[in-house]
């Protein structure tokens, strides 16, 4: 059996890896790495860098996405984002597309700016949040953009100075990091600064950019097969975490895809959701599509948005176009709908239509 497993492992790693779906959910922690095509610069001057940071700040604020760490290097960048009301894939698409168009126009260039797809690694928060914050914020020092930790505190294109209050930047989430070092802000900053300093000697930390012994593009089914074959280490190149965390993430992703496929097979779409959401609050379906702030109408619309985004996998933009709301309004509605669903114990499944 062990020989067969070894052969399987070798064959698996010699095959070209298919493009894998992004894995995401509200509150998920993502380490994102994006490089310039052919490793060429994506930031040529401070005007470029300020444009990128401005776009990132606006998107994080608009979508309640938490940016816990970030660093801009001339030919790539790192972000540590925690999903808010909009999938990280949507955030990145808007960020990269808008920035690339402006960059190309300003520098008189054409074609792709970024190399292939950006790398997005879903991370186990309890184990890796602080390690990733430190790793990302030490990137400018490792890249030679600053000469010392003292200079890093005042480097404007990295989140380190925001955590130490040596740089301004209200859009960056700092509390979620500092609270892990103490209740008092001043002592927490001292603890964080010492933690970062201790990481200088650790080097490049390749173990923090995802993956593991088994890169299972087969999802949850392959993980179960690996378990039956007595392979103890479960991992996926899209996920950074312990085996049980990887298994749980893959299982939930598989369930989500299966649920969506079930709805599609039964012909349950957005129009059916409108009727179901309206019925919960004694409204007509057309009521949810008309503007108005009556409580029943707002609640029904919120539940509709929540179901559409969570269960049908629609984006906030798609939902907004169907019901005449902006993307940010849909994002807020999703949050209200999730709360309503929990408080009123309202569930939607393919069988209740």
Protein backbone atom coordinates (compact mmCIF):
# COMPACT_ATOMS: atom_id res chain seq x y z
CA UNK A 1 0.00 0.00 0.00
CA UNK A 2 2.80 2.45 0.88
CA UNK A 3 4.51 1.81 -2.48
CA UNK A 4 1.25 2.47 -4.33
CA UNK A 5 0.71 5.67 -2.38
CA UNK A 6 4.24 6.86 -3.22
CA UNK A 7 3.70 6.17 -6.92
CA UNK A 8 0.37 8.00 -6.79
CA UNK A 9 2.03 10.97 -5.09
CA UNK A 10 4.81 11.15 -7.71
CA UNK A 11 2.42 10.87 -10.64
CA UNK A 12 0.13 13.50 -9.13
CA UNK A 13 2.97 16.02 -8.85
CA UNK A 14 4.16 15.46 -12.42
CA UNK A 15 0.74 16.29 -13.86
CA UNK A 16 -0.04 19.91 -14.81
CA UNK A 17 -2.16 21.49 -12.10
CA UNK A 18 -5.57 22.68 -13.30
CA UNK A 19 -6.79 26.12 -12.35
CA UNK A 20 -8.43 25.78 -8.96
CA UNK A 21 -11.46 27.64 -7.72
CA UNK A 22 -11.02 30.34 -5.10
CA UNK A 23 -12.12 29.32 -1.63
CA UNK A 24 -13.78 32.02 0.43
CA UNK A 25 -16.39 32.73 3.09
CA UNK A 26 -17.24 35.66 5.39
CA UNK A 27 -14.44 36.17 7.90
CA UNK A 28 -11.93 34.05 5.97
CA UNK A 29 -8.30 35.16 6.19
CA UNK A 30 -6.38 35.44 2.92
CA UNK A 31 -2.69 36.00 2.21
CA UNK A 32 -2.57 37.48 -1.28
CA UNK A 33 0.58 37.75 -3.38
CA UNK A 34 0.56 39.40 -6.80
CA UNK A 35 3.57 39.93 -9.09
CA UNK A 36 4.23 41.92 -12.22
CA UNK A 37 4.36 40.09 -15.55
CA UNK A 38 7.88 38.72 -16.09
CA UNK A 39 8.61 40.15 -12.62
CA UNK A 40 8.59 43.66 -14.07
CA UNK A 41 7.80 46.66 -11.81
CA UNK A 42 4.15 47.32 -11.04
CA UNK A 43 4.98 50.46 -9.03
CA UNK A 44 7.32 52.91 -10.75
CA UNK A 45 6.95 55.88 -8.40
CA UNK A 46 5.01 57.22 -5.44
CA UNK A 47 2.16 58.35 -7.68
CA UNK A 48 1.56 54.71 -8.61
CA UNK A 49 1.89 53.56 -5.01
CA UNK A 50 -0.48 56.24 -3.71
CA UNK A 51 -3.03 55.37 -6.39
CA UNK A 52 -2.92 51.68 -5.40
CA UNK A 53 -3.21 52.40 -1.67
CA UNK A 54 -6.09 54.80 -2.28
CA UNK A 55 -8.00 52.17 -4.24
CA UNK A 56 -7.32 49.50 -1.63
CA UNK A 57 -8.43 51.78 1.21
CA UNK A 58 -11.67 52.72 -0.57
CA UNK A 59 -12.54 49.09 -1.36
CA UNK A 60 -11.83 47.89 2.17
CA UNK A 61 -13.97 50.64 3.65
CA UNK A 62 -16.83 50.14 1.19
CA UNK A 63 -17.03 46.36 1.63
CA UNK A 64 -16.10 45.99 5.33
CA UNK A 65 -13.03 43.99 4.27
CA UNK A 66 -10.33 44.04 6.93
CA UNK A 67 -6.76 44.68 5.79
CA UNK A 68 -4.55 43.38 8.60
CA UNK A 69 -1.18 43.69 6.86
CA UNK A 70 0.19 44.90 3.52
CA UNK A 71 3.43 45.81 1.80
CA UNK A 72 4.24 47.17 -1.65
CA UNK A 73 7.49 46.04 -3.31
CA UNK A 74 8.44 47.41 -6.78
CA UNK A 75 7.49 44.23 -8.66
CA UNK A 76 4.90 42.67 -6.33
CA UNK A 77 2.72 43.22 -3.28
CA UNK A 78 1.43 41.29 -0.27
CA UNK A 79 -1.98 41.73 1.39
CA UNK A 80 -3.54 40.02 4.40
CA UNK A 81 -7.29 40.46 3.99
CA UNK A 82 -10.24 39.18 5.99
CA UNK A 83 -13.40 38.76 3.93
CA UNK A 84 -16.20 41.19 4.69
CA UNK A 85 -19.47 41.45 2.78
CA UNK A 86 -17.93 40.87 -0.65
CA UNK A 87 -15.80 37.92 -1.77
CA UNK A 88 -12.08 38.65 -1.88
CA UNK A 89 -12.07 37.66 -5.57
CA UNK A 90 -14.40 40.57 -6.31
CA UNK A 91 -12.25 42.97 -4.29
CA UNK A 92 -9.12 41.89 -6.14
CA UNK A 93 -10.74 42.08 -9.55
CA UNK A 94 -11.82 45.65 -8.95
CA UNK A 95 -8.50 46.61 -7.39
CA UNK A 96 -6.26 45.10 -10.07
CA UNK A 97 -8.37 46.10 -13.08
CA UNK A 98 -8.73 49.72 -12.04
CA UNK A 99 -5.10 50.07 -11.08
CA UNK A 100 -3.78 48.39 -14.26
CA UNK A 101 -5.85 50.62 -16.54
CA UNK A 102 -4.57 53.75 -14.78
CA UNK A 103 -0.98 52.47 -14.73
CA UNK A 104 -0.94 51.59 -18.44
CA UNK A 105 -2.47 54.90 -19.44
CA UNK A 106 -0.08 56.89 -17.30
CA UNK A 107 3.06 55.07 -18.46
CA UNK A 108 2.03 54.63 -22.11
CA UNK A 109 2.10 50.85 -22.05
CA UNK A 110 -0.24 48.10 -23.26
CA UNK A 111 -1.00 44.52 -22.28
CA UNK A 112 -1.12 42.67 -19.00
CA UNK A 113 0.47 44.28 -15.97
CA UNK A 114 0.17 41.36 -13.55
CA UNK A 115 1.58 37.85 -13.89
CA UNK A 116 -1.18 35.25 -14.36
CA UNK A 117 -3.60 35.00 -11.45
CA UNK A 118 -2.64 36.44 -8.11
CA UNK A 119 -1.95 33.85 -5.42
CA UNK A 120 -4.60 33.68 -2.71
CA UNK A 121 -3.98 31.45 0.30
CA UNK A 122 -6.76 30.89 2.83
CA UNK A 123 -5.10 30.80 6.27
CA UNK A 124 -5.92 29.33 9.66
CA UNK A 125 -6.29 32.47 11.75
CA UNK A 126 -5.40 31.09 15.17
CA UNK A 127 -2.06 29.72 14.02
CA UNK A 128 -0.95 32.09 11.31
CA UNK A 129 -2.40 35.58 11.65
CA UNK A 130 0.47 37.06 13.66
CA UNK A 131 3.12 35.13 11.73
CA UNK A 132 1.75 36.46 8.46
CA UNK A 133 1.49 40.04 9.72
CA UNK A 134 5.16 39.87 10.72
CA UNK A 135 6.23 38.15 7.51
CA UNK A 136 4.43 40.67 5.29
CA UNK A 137 5.58 43.74 7.18
CA UNK A 138 9.22 42.64 7.08
CA UNK A 139 9.15 42.41 3.28
CA UNK A 140 10.42 45.99 2.68
CA UNK A 141 13.40 45.28 4.95
CA UNK A 142 14.18 41.98 3.24
CA UNK A 143 13.86 43.66 -0.17
CA UNK A 144 16.29 46.43 0.80
CA UNK A 145 13.73 49.23 0.53
CA UNK A 146 14.67 50.25 4.08
CA UNK A 147 17.92 49.62 5.94
CA UNK A 148 16.63 49.05 9.46
CA UNK A 149 13.58 48.43 11.63
CA UNK A 150 13.67 52.09 12.65
CA UNK A 151 13.31 53.09 8.98
CA UNK A 152 10.57 50.50 8.49
CA UNK A 153 8.44 52.31 11.08
CA UNK A 154 8.26 55.30 8.74
CA UNK A 155 8.05 53.46 5.42
CA UNK A 156 4.76 54.73 3.94
CA UNK A 157 3.93 51.73 1.74
CA UNK A 158 3.62 49.07 4.41
CA UNK A 159 1.17 48.52 7.27
CA UNK A 160 3.86 48.28 9.95
CA UNK A 161 3.92 51.99 10.74
CA UNK A 162 0.13 52.11 11.02
CA UNK A 163 0.22 49.49 13.76
CA UNK A 164 2.85 51.52 15.62
CA UNK A 165 1.01 54.83 15.00
CA UNK A 166 4.09 56.30 13.33
CA UNK A 167 2.11 56.58 10.08
CA UNK A 168 -1.47 57.68 9.47
CA UNK A 169 -3.95 55.34 7.86
CA UNK A 170 -7.40 54.95 9.42
CA UNK A 171 -8.60 52.45 6.84
CA UNK A 172 -6.23 49.68 8.00
CA UNK A 173 -7.52 47.33 10.68
CA UNK A 174 -5.14 47.54 13.63
CA UNK A 175 -7.20 46.45 16.65
CA UNK A 176 -7.43 42.80 15.57
CA UNK A 177 -3.63 42.59 15.57
CA UNK A 178 -2.76 44.73 18.59
CA UNK A 179 -5.32 43.10 20.89
CA UNK A 180 -3.27 39.91 20.67
CA UNK A 181 -0.41 41.70 22.44
CA UNK A 182 -2.30 43.23 25.35
CA UNK A 183 -5.28 45.30 26.46
CA UNK A 184 -3.41 48.60 26.71
CA UNK A 185 -2.61 50.08 23.31
CA UNK A 186 0.83 51.36 24.27
CA UNK A 187 2.02 48.06 25.74
CA UNK A 188 0.41 46.16 22.85
CA UNK A 189 2.42 48.23 20.37
CA UNK A 190 5.60 47.51 22.33
CA UNK A 191 4.80 43.80 22.24
CA UNK A 192 4.07 43.87 18.53
CA UNK A 193 7.27 45.77 17.77
CA UNK A 194 9.34 43.25 19.73
CA UNK A 195 7.57 40.38 17.94
CA UNK A 196 8.45 41.83 14.54
CA UNK A 197 12.06 42.39 15.58
CA UNK A 198 12.33 38.73 16.60
CA UNK A 199 11.31 37.73 13.07
CA UNK A 200 14.21 39.40 11.27
CA UNK A 201 16.49 36.41 11.81
CA UNK A 202 13.88 33.94 10.51
CA UNK A 203 14.54 34.78 6.86
CA UNK A 204 12.22 34.22 3.89
CA UNK A 205 9.75 31.82 5.62
CA UNK A 206 8.70 29.79 2.53
CA UNK A 207 6.39 27.74 4.75
CA UNK A 208 4.08 30.78 5.02
CA UNK A 209 3.10 30.94 1.37
CA UNK A 210 0.80 27.92 1.38
CA UNK A 211 0.75 24.37 0.14
CA UNK A 212 2.06 21.19 1.65
CA UNK A 213 2.93 17.62 0.82
CA UNK A 214 -0.28 16.89 -1.07
CA UNK A 215 -1.74 19.50 -3.41
CA UNK A 216 -5.24 18.15 -3.80
CA UNK A 217 -7.10 19.78 -6.64
CA UNK A 218 -9.60 16.96 -6.24
CA UNK A 219 -11.19 18.66 -3.26
CA UNK A 220 -12.86 16.88 -0.37
CA UNK A 221 -13.27 13.55 -2.18
CA UNK A 222 -9.53 13.26 -2.77
CA UNK A 223 -8.82 14.22 0.83
CA UNK A 224 -11.00 11.30 1.93
CA UNK A 225 -9.18 8.97 -0.46
CA UNK A 226 -5.87 10.16 0.94
CA UNK A 227 -7.09 9.41 4.45
CA UNK A 228 -8.08 5.88 3.41
CA UNK A 229 -4.61 5.46 1.90
CA UNK A 230 -3.12 6.34 5.31
CA UNK A 231 -1.65 9.66 4.17
CA UNK A 232 -1.55 11.63 7.40
CA UNK A 233 -0.76 15.10 6.05
CA UNK A 234 -3.76 16.77 4.42
CA UNK A 235 -3.04 19.98 2.57
CA UNK A 236 -3.95 22.09 -0.42
CA UNK A 237 -1.94 24.77 -2.19
CA UNK A 238 -4.78 27.24 -1.62
CA UNK A 239 -4.83 26.72 2.15
CA UNK A 240 -2.34 27.34 4.96
CA UNK A 241 -3.21 25.43 8.10
CA UNK A 242 -3.19 22.16 9.97
CA UNK A 243 -4.64 19.04 8.41
CA UNK A 244 -7.97 19.26 10.22
CA UNK A 245 -8.37 22.90 9.17
CA UNK A 246 -7.65 22.05 5.54
CA UNK A 247 -10.16 19.19 5.65
CA UNK A 248 -12.87 21.40 7.15
CA UNK A 249 -12.33 24.18 4.59
CA UNK A 250 -12.45 21.75 1.70
CA UNK A 251 -15.51 20.00 3.11
CA UNK A 252 -17.43 23.26 3.42
CA UNK A 253 -16.38 24.34 -0.06
CA UNK A 254 -17.54 21.01 -1.46
CA UNK A 255 -20.87 21.30 0.38
CA UNK A 256 -21.36 24.80 -0.97
CA UNK A 257 -20.77 23.64 -4.54
CA UNK A 258 -23.07 20.65 -4.02
CA UNK A 259 -25.84 22.88 -2.63
CA UNK A 260 -25.52 25.26 -5.57
CA UNK A 261 -25.63 22.34 -8.02
CA UNK A 262 -28.76 21.03 -6.30
CA UNK A 263 -30.50 24.37 -6.73
CA UNK A 264 -29.50 24.51 -10.38
CA UNK A 265 -30.72 20.95 -11.03
CA UNK A 266 -34.13 21.87 -9.58
CA UNK A 267 -34.30 25.09 -11.54
CA UNK A 268 -34.20 27.24 -8.39
CA UNK A 269 -32.90 30.64 -9.31
CA UNK A 270 -33.11 34.28 -8.32
CA UNK A 271 -36.79 34.65 -9.23
CA UNK A 272 -37.73 31.81 -6.87
CA UNK A 273 -35.72 33.41 -4.09
CA UNK A 274 -37.64 36.68 -4.54
CA UNK A 275 -40.92 34.85 -3.94
CA UNK A 276 -39.59 32.97 -0.92
CA UNK A 277 -38.09 36.06 0.71
CA UNK A 278 -41.26 38.09 0.10
CA UNK A 279 -43.41 35.33 1.60
CA UNK A 280 -41.43 35.40 4.85
CA UNK A 281 -42.63 38.97 5.48
CA UNK A 282 -46.10 38.79 3.91
CA UNK A 283 -45.03 40.76 0.85
CA UNK A 284 -45.63 40.32 -2.84
CA UNK A 285 -42.60 39.50 -4.96
CA UNK A 286 -42.87 42.80 -6.82
CA UNK A 287 -42.70 44.68 -3.52
CA UNK A 288 -39.07 43.68 -3.03
CA UNK A 289 -38.13 45.13 -6.41
CA UNK A 290 -39.63 48.53 -5.71
CA UNK A 291 -37.80 51.24 -3.73
CA UNK A 292 -39.02 51.87 -0.23
CA UNK A 293 -37.92 51.75 3.39
CA UNK A 294 -40.91 49.98 4.91
CA UNK A 295 -39.53 47.46 7.46
CA UNK A 296 -41.14 44.41 5.85
CA UNK A 297 -39.83 45.38 2.42
CA UNK A 298 -36.32 46.11 3.72
CA UNK A 299 -36.23 42.82 5.64
CA UNK A 300 -37.44 40.80 2.69
CA UNK A 301 -34.91 42.46 0.39
CA UNK A 302 -32.12 41.81 2.93
CA UNK A 303 -33.00 38.13 3.17
CA UNK A 304 -33.13 37.92 -0.61
CA UNK A 305 -29.64 39.43 -0.92
CA UNK A 306 -28.25 37.07 1.72
CA UNK A 307 -29.67 33.96 0.06
CA UNK A 308 -28.60 35.06 -3.41
CA UNK A 309 -25.01 35.72 -2.40
CA UNK A 310 -24.58 32.77 -0.02
CA UNK A 311 -26.62 30.04 -1.71
CA UNK A 312 -26.64 30.94 -5.39
CA UNK A 313 -23.12 32.33 -5.41
CA UNK A 314 -24.16 35.60 -7.05
CA UNK A 315 -21.95 38.65 -6.63
CA UNK A 316 -23.23 41.81 -4.97
CA UNK A 317 -23.00 43.56 -8.33
CA UNK A 318 -25.19 40.93 -10.00
CA UNK A 319 -27.80 41.15 -7.25
CA UNK A 320 -27.69 44.94 -7.34
CA UNK A 321 -28.43 45.01 -11.06
CA UNK A 322 -31.44 42.75 -10.57
CA UNK A 323 -33.05 44.77 -7.78
CA UNK A 324 -31.79 48.29 -8.49
CA UNK A 325 -29.31 48.69 -5.61
CA UNK A 326 -25.67 49.69 -5.56
CA UNK A 327 -23.04 47.09 -4.74
CA UNK A 328 -22.39 48.67 -1.34
CA UNK A 329 -26.14 48.69 -0.56
CA UNK A 330 -26.34 44.99 -1.39
CA UNK A 331 -23.34 44.33 0.84
CA UNK A 332 -25.11 45.99 3.76
CA UNK A 333 -28.29 44.08 2.95
CA UNK A 334 -26.39 40.79 3.02
CA UNK A 335 -25.23 41.58 6.56
CA UNK A 336 -28.79 42.41 7.65
CA UNK A 337 -30.13 39.30 5.95
CA UNK A 338 -27.63 37.04 7.67
CA UNK A 339 -28.59 38.52 11.03
CA UNK A 340 -32.31 38.10 10.28
CA UNK A 341 -31.80 34.52 9.19
CA UNK A 342 -30.05 33.73 12.46
CA UNK A 343 -32.39 35.64 14.79
CA UNK A 344 -35.63 34.44 13.17
CA UNK A 345 -34.28 30.95 12.41
CA UNK A 346 -35.20 31.35 8.75
CA UNK A 347 -33.55 28.73 6.59
CA UNK A 348 -33.61 28.20 2.87
CA UNK A 349 -33.01 24.84 1.28
CA UNK A 350 -33.76 23.39 -2.12
CA UNK A 351 -36.49 21.28 -0.58
CA UNK A 352 -38.64 24.07 0.85
CA UNK A 353 -39.78 25.48 -2.47
